[in-house]
């Protein structure tokens, strides 16, 4: 079979993109399995495999990775549940209630404006609020911050899903005696499950990888998250390359698993409303 030049070039570009993407991951994975001497010497293939870097994350006086992982899970799951609850109600109201067009446009425009602001804009106010209400250096402060930052995007995303649901289905449920709340819970919400999945995953991943607000709103492992723990391996007189690489590989596992299992929902959520048939 003859290959056309265009096909060869296209596949070559794709393979190059894959290699460029996977090369840092492969380098980090191999670094996490090396002794310090092999890391310093720059050996990439010829080295003795060891799991000592992973052991040091959970053993010894400086092992706080377990607490950081727990904090990251609390912040990620807490913000995800909060955003889903508020965003689904807000998106449903914007897509179903007969609000004046100017009001709907104003609300959506304001949400878009907030989402477009640089996250660093909120760092100072969130720090002062967390100090004032006694939530500084706790996962609860991160739940609030991450929820506020991802809520506008979640409302925009879910609003497109609710808008796709035929109104006739809800009208039929109302004729059968279903209340507005019952219609939302039994009819509208189940039909937007792909959007809910996409919103949940994107919100969780944002919280899981956040470094800025974890740095601003926490100061000890009691409230810190995994990105803060990884950054702490860069010390004044030492760089703990092995532990940093091991922590990075472990931190990537939940996000990779979520994306692999729900990438179809993410793609559908990101493209909903882009093409009208």
Protein backbone atom coordinates (compact mmCIF):
# COMPACT_ATOMS: atom_id res chain seq x y z
CA UNK A 1 0.00 0.00 0.00
CA UNK A 2 1.42 3.37 -1.04
CA UNK A 3 1.48 6.07 1.53
CA UNK A 4 0.72 9.57 0.39
CA UNK A 5 3.16 12.32 1.40
CA UNK A 6 0.38 14.17 3.19
CA UNK A 7 -0.45 11.10 5.30
CA UNK A 8 3.21 10.59 6.22
CA UNK A 9 3.61 14.21 7.23
CA UNK A 10 0.38 14.18 9.25
CA UNK A 11 1.33 11.02 11.13
CA UNK A 12 4.85 12.31 11.64
CA UNK A 13 3.55 15.51 13.21
CA UNK A 14 1.20 13.56 15.47
CA UNK A 15 3.96 11.17 16.58
CA UNK A 16 6.25 14.11 17.30
CA UNK A 17 3.53 15.76 19.40
CA UNK A 18 3.01 12.49 21.33
CA UNK A 19 6.74 12.10 21.99
CA UNK A 20 7.10 15.72 23.12
CA UNK A 21 4.15 15.23 25.48
CA UNK A 22 5.30 11.90 26.92
CA UNK A 23 9.01 12.74 27.23
CA UNK A 24 8.68 14.81 30.46
CA UNK A 25 6.45 12.11 31.99
CA UNK A 26 8.97 9.39 31.12
CA UNK A 27 11.82 11.49 32.51
CA UNK A 28 9.94 12.10 35.77
CA UNK A 29 8.99 8.43 36.09
CA UNK A 30 12.58 7.23 35.63
CA UNK A 31 13.89 9.89 38.01
CA UNK A 32 11.52 8.66 40.72
CA UNK A 33 13.10 5.20 40.45
CA UNK A 34 16.74 6.32 40.74
CA UNK A 35 19.19 6.67 43.58
CA UNK A 36 20.49 10.17 44.11
CA UNK A 37 23.89 9.27 42.63
CA UNK A 38 22.27 8.18 39.36
CA UNK A 39 20.17 11.36 39.24
CA UNK A 40 23.18 13.60 39.74
CA UNK A 41 25.28 11.67 37.21
CA UNK A 42 22.60 12.14 34.56
CA UNK A 43 22.08 8.47 33.73
CA UNK A 44 18.85 7.93 31.86
CA UNK A 45 18.88 4.21 30.99
CA UNK A 46 21.81 2.72 32.91
CA UNK A 47 20.74 2.93 36.57
CA UNK A 48 19.72 0.72 39.47
CA UNK A 49 15.96 0.71 40.05
CA UNK A 50 14.87 1.59 43.60
CA UNK A 51 11.61 2.41 45.37
CA UNK A 52 13.32 4.34 48.14
CA UNK A 53 12.00 7.70 46.91
CA UNK A 54 8.41 6.50 47.24
CA UNK A 55 9.12 5.04 50.68
CA UNK A 56 10.51 8.33 51.93
CA UNK A 57 7.21 10.05 51.12
CA UNK A 58 5.42 7.97 53.75
CA UNK A 59 8.21 7.07 56.18
CA UNK A 60 10.53 9.14 58.35
CA UNK A 61 10.25 12.39 60.25
CA UNK A 62 9.68 14.49 57.10
CA UNK A 63 7.05 12.19 55.60
CA UNK A 64 3.83 14.22 55.33
CA UNK A 65 2.64 13.08 51.91
CA UNK A 66 -0.25 11.12 53.41
CA UNK A 67 -1.64 14.22 55.15
CA UNK A 68 -1.15 16.33 52.02
CA UNK A 69 -2.99 13.74 49.93
CA UNK A 70 -5.88 13.71 52.39
CA UNK A 71 -6.07 17.50 52.31
CA UNK A 72 -6.06 17.50 48.50
CA UNK A 73 -8.88 14.96 48.44
CA UNK A 74 -10.94 16.97 50.93
CA UNK A 75 -10.44 20.19 48.95
CA UNK A 76 -11.13 18.52 45.60
CA UNK A 77 -14.19 16.50 46.61
CA UNK A 78 -15.62 19.28 48.80
CA UNK A 79 -15.34 21.97 46.11
CA UNK A 80 -16.69 19.59 43.46
CA UNK A 81 -19.82 18.74 45.46
CA UNK A 82 -20.43 22.37 46.37
CA UNK A 83 -19.99 23.58 42.78
CA UNK A 84 -22.27 20.85 41.39
CA UNK A 85 -25.03 21.72 43.85
CA UNK A 86 -24.94 25.48 43.24
CA UNK A 87 -24.13 25.43 39.52
CA UNK A 88 -26.86 22.95 38.63
CA UNK A 89 -29.52 25.07 40.35
CA UNK A 90 -28.20 28.30 38.84
CA UNK A 91 -27.87 26.85 35.35
CA UNK A 92 -31.37 25.37 35.50
CA UNK A 93 -32.83 28.69 36.61
CA UNK A 94 -31.11 30.57 33.79
CA UNK A 95 -32.25 28.09 31.14
CA UNK A 96 -35.84 27.56 32.33
CA UNK A 97 -37.18 30.55 34.25
CA UNK A 98 -38.64 33.26 32.07
CA UNK A 99 -36.28 36.01 33.07
CA UNK A 100 -35.95 39.18 31.02
CA UNK A 101 -33.29 38.75 28.38
CA UNK A 102 -31.26 41.61 29.80
CA UNK A 103 -31.23 39.98 33.24
CA UNK A 104 -30.03 36.63 31.88
CA UNK A 105 -27.40 38.35 29.74
CA UNK A 106 -26.24 40.39 32.72
CA UNK A 107 -25.88 37.32 34.94
CA UNK A 108 -24.04 35.30 32.31
CA UNK A 109 -21.87 38.27 31.41
CA UNK A 110 -20.96 38.83 35.05
CA UNK A 111 -20.06 35.17 35.50
CA UNK A 112 -17.88 35.30 32.39
CA UNK A 113 -16.20 38.47 33.67
CA UNK A 114 -15.40 36.85 37.02
CA UNK A 115 -14.05 33.73 35.30
CA UNK A 116 -11.79 35.82 33.05
CA UNK A 117 -10.15 37.62 35.96
CA UNK A 118 -6.63 36.41 36.83
CA UNK A 119 -6.82 34.08 39.86
CA UNK A 120 -4.16 36.12 41.65
CA UNK A 121 -6.79 38.89 41.90
CA UNK A 122 -8.65 36.84 44.52
CA UNK A 123 -5.60 35.75 46.51
CA UNK A 124 -5.45 38.78 48.81
CA UNK A 125 -9.18 38.93 49.65
CA UNK A 126 -9.37 35.18 50.26
CA UNK A 127 -6.35 35.39 52.57
CA UNK A 128 -7.93 38.17 54.64
CA UNK A 129 -11.29 36.40 54.78
CA UNK A 130 -9.72 33.08 55.83
CA UNK A 131 -7.79 34.84 58.59
CA UNK A 132 -10.85 36.71 59.77
CA UNK A 133 -13.17 33.68 60.04
CA UNK A 134 -10.53 31.30 61.40
CA UNK A 135 -10.21 29.01 58.37
CA UNK A 136 -6.61 29.83 57.49
CA UNK A 137 -4.42 26.74 57.03
CA UNK A 138 -7.40 24.38 56.69
CA UNK A 139 -8.81 22.49 53.68
CA UNK A 140 -12.09 24.35 54.20
CA UNK A 141 -10.46 27.59 53.03
CA UNK A 142 -9.39 25.85 49.82
CA UNK A 143 -12.89 24.45 49.30
CA UNK A 144 -14.33 27.97 49.40
CA UNK A 145 -11.64 29.45 47.14
CA UNK A 146 -11.79 26.69 44.55
CA UNK A 147 -15.58 26.76 44.52
CA UNK A 148 -15.70 30.48 43.83
CA UNK A 149 -13.14 30.20 41.04
CA UNK A 150 -14.78 27.29 39.21
CA UNK A 151 -18.45 28.17 39.78
CA UNK A 152 -18.78 30.60 36.82
CA UNK A 153 -17.38 28.04 34.38
CA UNK A 154 -19.61 25.32 35.83
CA UNK A 155 -22.75 27.45 35.40
CA UNK A 156 -21.86 28.25 31.79
CA UNK A 157 -21.18 24.59 31.04
CA UNK A 158 -24.32 23.19 32.67
CA UNK A 159 -26.54 25.93 31.28
CA UNK A 160 -25.88 24.65 27.75
CA UNK A 161 -26.91 21.14 28.82
CA UNK A 162 -30.15 22.26 30.43
CA UNK A 163 -30.95 24.37 27.37
CA UNK A 164 -30.80 21.22 25.21
CA UNK A 165 -33.54 19.45 27.19
CA UNK A 166 -36.95 19.70 25.45
CA UNK A 167 -39.39 21.70 27.50
CA UNK A 168 -42.15 19.26 26.54
CA UNK A 169 -40.68 16.63 28.87
CA UNK A 170 -40.93 18.93 31.85
CA UNK A 171 -44.41 20.05 30.85
CA UNK A 172 -45.50 16.41 30.69
CA UNK A 173 -44.04 15.81 34.16
CA UNK A 174 -45.90 18.87 35.45
CA UNK A 175 -49.18 17.56 34.04
CA UNK A 176 -48.58 14.33 35.94
CA UNK A 177 -48.42 16.34 39.17
CA UNK A 178 -44.69 16.81 39.48
CA UNK A 179 -43.61 20.03 41.20
CA UNK A 180 -40.91 22.34 39.88
CA UNK A 181 -38.40 20.81 42.26
CA UNK A 182 -39.51 17.30 41.37
CA UNK A 183 -39.20 18.10 37.67
CA UNK A 184 -35.67 19.34 38.21
CA UNK A 185 -34.67 16.31 40.28
CA UNK A 186 -36.42 13.54 38.32
CA UNK A 187 -36.37 14.84 34.74
CA UNK A 188 -33.82 17.59 34.09
CA UNK A 189 -30.96 16.44 36.29
CA UNK A 190 -30.78 12.83 35.02
CA UNK A 191 -30.69 14.08 31.43
CA UNK A 192 -27.68 16.29 32.16
CA UNK A 193 -25.50 13.54 33.64
CA UNK A 194 -22.79 13.93 30.95
CA UNK A 195 -22.56 17.62 31.81
CA UNK A 196 -22.45 16.86 35.52
CA UNK A 197 -19.66 14.34 34.95
CA UNK A 198 -17.65 16.80 32.88
CA UNK A 199 -18.17 19.60 35.40
CA UNK A 200 -17.24 17.38 38.32
CA UNK A 201 -14.03 16.15 36.71
CA UNK A 202 -12.87 19.57 35.56
CA UNK A 203 -13.61 21.08 38.96
CA UNK A 204 -11.80 18.29 40.80
CA UNK A 205 -8.75 18.50 38.53
CA UNK A 206 -8.57 22.28 39.01
CA UNK A 207 -8.62 21.88 42.78
CA UNK A 208 -6.20 18.94 42.73
CA UNK A 209 -3.50 20.82 40.82
CA UNK A 210 -3.96 24.27 42.33
CA UNK A 211 -0.77 25.73 43.79
CA UNK A 212 -1.45 29.45 44.12
CA UNK A 213 -4.30 29.37 46.63
CA UNK A 214 -2.82 26.45 48.54
CA UNK A 215 0.32 28.55 48.97
CA UNK A 216 -1.61 31.66 50.05
CA UNK A 217 -4.19 30.01 52.30
CA UNK A 218 -2.02 27.41 54.06
CA UNK A 219 1.29 27.47 55.86
CA UNK A 220 1.82 23.98 57.33
CA UNK A 221 1.15 20.35 56.28
CA UNK A 222 -1.98 20.52 58.46
CA UNK A 223 -3.75 22.39 55.67
CA UNK A 224 -1.36 22.09 52.72
CA UNK A 225 -1.92 20.07 49.57
CA UNK A 226 0.20 17.93 47.27
CA UNK A 227 1.49 20.81 45.07
CA UNK A 228 2.76 22.55 48.21
CA UNK A 229 4.44 19.33 49.31
CA UNK A 230 6.17 18.95 45.95
CA UNK A 231 7.42 22.52 46.09
CA UNK A 232 8.78 21.96 49.61
CA UNK A 233 11.34 19.50 48.23
CA UNK A 234 13.15 22.53 46.78
CA UNK A 235 15.14 23.63 49.82
CA UNK A 236 17.76 26.28 50.38
CA UNK A 237 20.79 23.98 50.24
CA UNK A 238 19.32 20.87 48.67
CA UNK A 239 17.02 19.70 45.91
CA UNK A 240 15.35 16.37 46.69
CA UNK A 241 14.93 15.33 43.07
CA UNK A 242 13.93 11.73 43.74
CA UNK A 243 11.19 12.48 46.25
CA UNK A 244 9.91 15.34 44.08
CA UNK A 245 9.61 13.04 41.06
CA UNK A 246 7.94 10.29 43.11
CA UNK A 247 5.41 12.72 44.57
CA UNK A 248 4.69 14.07 41.09
CA UNK A 249 3.96 10.61 39.72
CA UNK A 250 1.65 9.76 42.61
CA UNK A 251 -0.13 13.11 42.31
CA UNK A 252 -0.80 12.50 38.61
CA UNK A 253 -2.58 9.18 39.17
CA UNK A 254 -6.07 10.44 40.24
CA UNK A 255 -6.28 13.03 37.46
CA UNK A 256 -5.14 10.54 34.82
CA UNK A 257 -7.64 7.92 35.98
CA UNK A 258 -10.51 10.40 35.98
CA UNK A 259 -9.68 11.70 32.51
CA UNK A 260 -9.26 8.21 31.05
CA UNK A 261 -12.60 7.01 32.39
CA UNK A 262 -14.58 10.13 31.57
CA UNK A 263 -12.85 11.78 28.60
CA UNK A 264 -15.97 11.20 26.48
CA UNK A 265 -18.05 13.25 28.91
CA UNK A 266 -15.39 15.97 29.07
CA UNK A 267 -15.28 16.31 25.27
CA UNK A 268 -19.07 16.38 25.05
CA UNK A 269 -19.27 18.96 27.82
CA UNK A 270 -16.69 21.21 26.20
CA UNK A 271 -18.33 21.04 22.75
CA UNK A 272 -22.01 21.16 23.78
CA UNK A 273 -23.76 23.91 21.88
CA UNK A 274 -20.83 24.52 19.52
CA UNK A 275 -22.53 22.75 16.61
CA UNK A 276 -26.22 22.93 15.92
CA UNK A 277 -27.75 20.24 13.75
